[in-house]
Structure formats: structure tokens, C-alpha cells
Amino acid sequence: MSSYGLISMILHQKGGDVWAIAEDATVYQALKLMAEKNVGALLVMRQDKPIGILSERDYARKVALKGKASKNVPVGEIISGNMITITPRHTVEECMRLMSKHRVRHLPVIDEDRVAGVVSIGDLVNWIINTQSETISQLENYITGGDYQV
């Protein structure tokens, strides 16, 4: 196991809220939901199964820059069909590698055929920063003779 921890630990900390939209919804409806929930991406569903992710980047590149109207374009038309998923047992380090390799910023977490959550690059970076801060604090306490807690 990586010293950075498992995705299950991140999901436990952040909660399992999953913001999703149907593939036949309009991009406008998706953007509105993203704004309401203050998220940068939504899971796209077909009959309770994830089929892709719609991000603000998808909107910018596949709708706005092409002069299309977000109220007329269905979400399913602009998502890429190549969705990378992970499990709660993946490590943070493994997920960072997957995100870098596939140039994605969000990974759906699938646990026994159900969506358990979505982790973003921001979630992973925050986890790493917090883990490093805790380690530094423990080392400083150890060196100065303070209370050392594992």
C-alpha cells in the first residue's frame, strides 16, 4: 500500500456525494447543475450506469468554441466514450498516474458495480498535502521531544 493512502480513505473524508446527469439532458442543464453544486464535472448516466464524464473543459472545447448552443446539445453528444474508472482499493499514487497518463481530472470510483463516488485531481492533491503536513508535524514533535503520536 502506498504511503499516500487508499481512495476509500478520501471518499470517507469527503463523502460519497455523486453529482450526475442523464445523457439526454442538455449541456445547459448540466452547466446549471455544475454551478449549483460548485463542481467542475458531472458523471453522465444511462439507466443508472455511468457512461462518461462531462467537464467544463468538454463544454468549452466541444460546444462554446464550436459556436453551438448549450440549450440544444445533448450531454451524450459531447462526452468521450473512454471513461477511466477506479475502485476504493486504488492508491492515491496509482490514481495520480492514471490521471497523468490519460490526461483526465476526474475518476469515477466503482465498487461492486455501483458508483461509490468521484475523485478529482484536487481531492488527490489535497490528500497528499494533508498527509505530508501530518508527517512533518509528527517528525518535528519527535525531534523536539514533544508528544509523538502515530
C-alpha atoms as a PDB file:
ATOM      1  CA  MET A   1       0.000   0.000   0.000  1.00  0.00           C
ATOM      2  CA  SER A   2       1.223   3.487  -0.821  1.00  0.00           C
ATOM      3  CA  SER A   3       2.104   5.860   1.975  1.00  0.00           C
ATOM      4  CA  TYR A   4      -0.448   8.221   0.446  1.00  0.00           C
ATOM      5  CA  GLY A   5      -3.427   6.014   1.280  1.00  0.00           C
ATOM      6  CA  LEU A   6      -6.355   4.447  -0.453  1.00  0.00           C
ATOM      7  CA  ILE A   7      -9.177   6.097  -2.371  1.00  0.00           C
ATOM      8  CA  SER A   8     -11.619   4.658   0.190  1.00  0.00           C
ATOM      9  CA  MET A   9      -9.991   6.969   2.764  1.00  0.00           C
ATOM     10  CA  ILE A  10     -10.576  10.013   0.552  1.00  0.00           C
ATOM     11  CA  LEU A  11     -14.197   9.032  -0.058  1.00  0.00           C
ATOM     12  CA  HIS A  12     -14.711   8.578   3.675  1.00  0.00           C
ATOM     13  CA  GLN A  13     -13.312  12.052   4.312  1.00  0.00           C
ATOM     14  CA  LYS A  14     -15.100  13.904   1.506  1.00  0.00           C
ATOM     15  CA  GLY A  15     -18.311  11.904   1.464  1.00  0.00           C
ATOM     16  CA  GLY A  16     -19.845   9.915  -1.337  1.00  0.00           C
ATOM     17  CA  ASP A  17     -21.934  12.617  -2.991  1.00  0.00           C
ATOM     18  CA  VAL A  18     -22.071  11.965  -6.709  1.00  0.00           C
ATOM     19  CA  TRP A  19     -23.497  14.613  -8.996  1.00  0.00           C
ATOM     20  CA  ALA A  20     -24.768  13.059 -12.185  1.00  0.00           C
ATOM     21  CA  ILE A  21     -26.903  13.837 -15.200  1.00  0.00           C
ATOM     22  CA  ALA A  22     -28.653  11.764 -17.855  1.00  0.00           C
ATOM     23  CA  GLU A  23     -27.082  11.526 -21.291  1.00  0.00           C
ATOM     24  CA  ASP A  24     -30.163  13.028 -22.927  1.00  0.00           C
ATOM     25  CA  ALA A  25     -30.113  16.172 -20.744  1.00  0.00           C
ATOM     26  CA  THR A  26     -28.874  19.341 -22.423  1.00  0.00           C
ATOM     27  CA  VAL A  27     -25.414  20.727 -21.856  1.00  0.00           C
ATOM     28  CA  TYR A  28     -27.121  23.843 -20.473  1.00  0.00           C
ATOM     29  CA  GLN A  29     -28.865  21.737 -17.803  1.00  0.00           C
ATOM     30  CA  ALA A  30     -25.524  20.140 -16.960  1.00  0.00           C
ATOM     31  CA  LEU A  31     -23.770  23.509 -16.655  1.00  0.00           C
ATOM     32  CA  LYS A  32     -26.553  24.774 -14.424  1.00  0.00           C
ATOM     33  CA  LEU A  33     -26.207  21.728 -12.138  1.00  0.00           C
ATOM     34  CA  MET A  34     -22.409  22.118 -12.030  1.00  0.00           C
ATOM     35  CA  ALA A  35     -22.825  25.755 -10.981  1.00  0.00           C
ATOM     36  CA  GLU A  36     -25.421  24.876  -8.311  1.00  0.00           C
ATOM     37  CA  LYS A  37     -23.234  22.147  -6.831  1.00  0.00           C
ATOM     38  CA  ASN A  38     -19.968  24.059  -7.357  1.00  0.00           C
ATOM     39  CA  VAL A  39     -18.301  21.187  -9.190  1.00  0.00           C
ATOM     40  CA  GLY A  40     -16.259  21.067 -12.383  1.00  0.00           C
ATOM     41  CA  ALA A  41     -17.637  17.807 -13.753  1.00  0.00           C
ATOM     42  CA  LEU A  42     -20.670  15.526 -13.676  1.00  0.00           C
ATOM     43  CA  LEU A  43     -20.980  11.815 -14.108  1.00  0.00           C
ATOM     44  CA  VAL A  44     -23.116  11.030 -17.160  1.00  0.00           C
ATOM     45  CA  MET A  45     -25.565   8.183 -16.648  1.00  0.00           C
ATOM     46  CA  ARG A  46     -27.587   5.837 -18.836  1.00  0.00           C
ATOM     47  CA  GLN A  47     -30.182   3.850 -16.881  1.00  0.00           C
ATOM     48  CA  ASP A  48     -28.248   4.099 -13.586  1.00  0.00           C
ATOM     49  CA  LYS A  49     -24.939   3.127 -15.219  1.00  0.00           C
ATOM     50  CA  PRO A  50     -22.069   5.595 -15.704  1.00  0.00           C
ATOM     51  CA  ILE A  51     -21.137   6.068 -19.346  1.00  0.00           C
ATOM     52  CA  GLY A  52     -18.857   9.094 -19.149  1.00  0.00           C
ATOM     53  CA  ILE A  53     -17.941  12.353 -17.504  1.00  0.00           C
ATOM     54  CA  LEU A  54     -18.866  15.842 -18.643  1.00  0.00           C
ATOM     55  CA  SER A  55     -16.453  18.565 -17.585  1.00  0.00           C
ATOM     56  CA  GLU A  56     -16.290  22.301 -18.007  1.00  0.00           C
ATOM     57  CA  ARG A  57     -13.417  21.620 -20.400  1.00  0.00           C
ATOM     58  CA  ASP A  58     -15.717  19.495 -22.585  1.00  0.00           C
ATOM     59  CA  TYR A  59     -18.187  22.365 -22.736  1.00  0.00           C
ATOM     60  CA  ALA A  60     -15.513  24.902 -23.639  1.00  0.00           C
ATOM     61  CA  ARG A  61     -13.944  22.783 -26.374  1.00  0.00           C
ATOM     62  CA  LYS A  62     -16.929  20.943 -27.841  1.00  0.00           C
ATOM     63  CA  VAL A  63     -19.736  23.490 -27.517  1.00  0.00           C
ATOM     64  CA  ALA A  64     -18.599  27.075 -26.897  1.00  0.00           C
ATOM     65  CA  LEU A  65     -15.602  27.082 -29.255  1.00  0.00           C
ATOM     66  CA  LYS A  66     -17.646  25.403 -31.996  1.00  0.00           C
ATOM     67  CA  GLY A  67     -20.405  28.004 -31.750  1.00  0.00           C
ATOM     68  CA  LYS A  68     -23.051  25.513 -30.666  1.00  0.00           C
ATOM     69  CA  ALA A  69     -25.919  26.427 -28.321  1.00  0.00           C
ATOM     70  CA  SER A  70     -25.714  24.624 -24.972  1.00  0.00           C
ATOM     71  CA  LYS A  71     -29.517  24.512 -24.780  1.00  0.00           C
ATOM     72  CA  ASN A  72     -29.652  22.430 -27.989  1.00  0.00           C
ATOM     73  CA  VAL A  73     -26.793  19.975 -27.451  1.00  0.00           C
ATOM     74  CA  PRO A  74     -27.413  16.754 -25.501  1.00  0.00           C
ATOM     75  CA  VAL A  75     -24.759  15.789 -22.970  1.00  0.00           C
ATOM     76  CA  GLY A  76     -24.303  12.380 -24.597  1.00  0.00           C
ATOM     77  CA  GLU A  77     -23.173  14.062 -27.825  1.00  0.00           C
ATOM     78  CA  ILE A  78     -20.039  15.628 -26.332  1.00  0.00           C
ATOM     79  CA  ILE A  79     -18.727  13.126 -23.782  1.00  0.00           C
ATOM     80  CA  SER A  80     -15.867  10.881 -24.728  1.00  0.00           C
ATOM     81  CA  GLY A  81     -16.649   7.192 -24.559  1.00  0.00           C
ATOM     82  CA  ASN A  82     -13.359   6.258 -22.963  1.00  0.00           C
ATOM     83  CA  MET A  83     -14.088   6.550 -19.238  1.00  0.00           C
ATOM     84  CA  ILE A  84     -11.340   5.501 -16.835  1.00  0.00           C
ATOM     85  CA  THR A  85     -12.684   4.135 -13.536  1.00  0.00           C
ATOM     86  CA  ILE A  86     -11.074   3.121 -10.269  1.00  0.00           C
ATOM     87  CA  THR A  87     -12.040   1.182  -7.148  1.00  0.00           C
ATOM     88  CA  PRO A  88     -11.859   2.223  -3.490  1.00  0.00           C
ATOM     89  CA  ARG A  89      -8.788  -0.038  -3.226  1.00  0.00           C
ATOM     90  CA  HIS A  90      -6.705   2.010  -5.655  1.00  0.00           C
ATOM     91  CA  THR A  91      -3.991   4.095  -4.049  1.00  0.00           C
ATOM     92  CA  VAL A  92      -3.731   7.846  -4.420  1.00  0.00           C
ATOM     93  CA  GLU A  93      -0.416   7.321  -6.193  1.00  0.00           C
ATOM     94  CA  GLU A  94      -1.982   4.916  -8.733  1.00  0.00           C
ATOM     95  CA  CYS A  95      -4.749   7.426  -9.425  1.00  0.00           C
ATOM     96  CA  MET A  96      -2.274  10.262  -9.965  1.00  0.00           C
ATOM     97  CA  ARG A  97      -0.509   8.083 -12.541  1.00  0.00           C
ATOM     98  CA  LEU A  98      -3.803   7.240 -14.294  1.00  0.00           C
ATOM     99  CA  MET A  99      -4.816  10.906 -14.424  1.00  0.00           C
ATOM    100  CA  SER A 100      -1.457  11.911 -15.869  1.00  0.00           C
ATOM    101  CA  LYS A 101      -1.349   9.076 -18.387  1.00  0.00           C
ATOM    102  CA  HIS A 102      -4.909   9.586 -19.666  1.00  0.00           C
ATOM    103  CA  ARG A 103      -4.976  13.375 -19.201  1.00  0.00           C
ATOM    104  CA  VAL A 104      -8.147  13.361 -17.083  1.00  0.00           C
ATOM    105  CA  ARG A 105      -9.036  15.295 -13.951  1.00  0.00           C
ATOM    106  CA  HIS A 106     -11.856  13.148 -12.555  1.00  0.00           C
ATOM    107  CA  LEU A 107     -12.127   9.421 -11.864  1.00  0.00           C
ATOM    108  CA  PRO A 108     -15.384   7.648 -11.026  1.00  0.00           C
ATOM    109  CA  VAL A 109     -14.993   5.171  -8.176  1.00  0.00           C
ATOM    110  CA  ILE A 110     -16.833   1.914  -8.835  1.00  0.00           C
ATOM    111  CA  ASP A 111     -17.369  -0.569  -6.009  1.00  0.00           C
ATOM    112  CA  GLU A 112     -19.138  -3.835  -6.817  1.00  0.00           C
ATOM    113  CA  ASP A 113     -20.941  -2.432  -9.878  1.00  0.00           C
ATOM    114  CA  ARG A 114     -22.175   0.724  -8.145  1.00  0.00           C
ATOM    115  CA  VAL A 115     -20.833   4.254  -8.184  1.00  0.00           C
ATOM    116  CA  ALA A 116     -19.209   4.922  -4.807  1.00  0.00           C
ATOM    117  CA  GLY A 117     -18.018   8.433  -5.643  1.00  0.00           C
ATOM    118  CA  VAL A 118     -15.851  10.562  -7.894  1.00  0.00           C
ATOM    119  CA  VAL A 119     -12.375  11.820  -7.065  1.00  0.00           C
ATOM    120  CA  SER A 120     -10.788  14.832  -8.692  1.00  0.00           C
ATOM    121  CA  ILE A 121      -7.183  15.850  -9.090  1.00  0.00           C
ATOM    122  CA  GLY A 122      -7.886  18.452  -6.407  1.00  0.00           C
ATOM    123  CA  ASP A 123      -9.018  15.737  -3.975  1.00  0.00           C
ATOM    124  CA  LEU A 124      -5.784  13.822  -4.565  1.00  0.00           C
ATOM    125  CA  VAL A 125      -3.544  16.875  -4.224  1.00  0.00           C
ATOM    126  CA  ASN A 126      -5.300  17.931  -1.006  1.00  0.00           C
ATOM    127  CA  TRP A 127      -4.883  14.418   0.411  1.00  0.00           C
ATOM    128  CA  ILE A 128      -1.166  14.426  -0.381  1.00  0.00           C
ATOM    129  CA  ILE A 129      -0.644  17.888   1.130  1.00  0.00           C
ATOM    130  CA  ASN A 130      -2.512  16.935   4.314  1.00  0.00           C
ATOM    131  CA  THR A 131      -0.615  13.652   4.614  1.00  0.00           C
ATOM    132  CA  GLN A 132       2.732  15.408   4.187  1.00  0.00           C
ATOM    133  CA  SER A 133       1.781  18.095   6.710  1.00  0.00           C
ATOM    134  CA  GLU A 134       0.870  15.447   9.286  1.00  0.00           C
ATOM    135  CA  THR A 135       4.153  13.612   8.680  1.00  0.00           C
ATOM    136  CA  ILE A 136       6.167  16.826   9.035  1.00  0.00           C
ATOM    137  CA  SER A 137       4.352  17.689  12.259  1.00  0.00           C
ATOM    138  CA  GLN A 138       4.992  14.223  13.702  1.00  0.00           C
ATOM    139  CA  LEU A 139       8.677  14.399  12.766  1.00  0.00           C
ATOM    140  CA  GLU A 140       9.028  17.860  14.311  1.00  0.00           C
ATOM    141  CA  ASN A 141       7.417  16.618  17.537  1.00  0.00           C
ATOM    142  CA  TYR A 142       9.687  13.593  17.576  1.00  0.00           C
ATOM    143  CA  ILE A 143      12.835  15.661  17.009  1.00  0.00           C
ATOM    144  CA  THR A 144      11.951  18.281  19.641  1.00  0.00           C
ATOM    145  CA  GLY A 145      10.852  15.667  22.167  1.00  0.00           C
ATOM    146  CA  GLY A 146       7.198  16.667  22.033  1.00  0.00           C
ATOM    147  CA  ASP A 147       4.285  14.308  22.201  1.00  0.00           C
ATOM    148  CA  TYR A 148       4.708  11.829  19.396  1.00  0.00           C
ATOM    149  CA  GLN A 149       1.524  10.241  18.150  1.00  0.00           C
ATOM    150  CA  VAL A 150       1.265   7.623  15.484  1.00  0.00           C
END
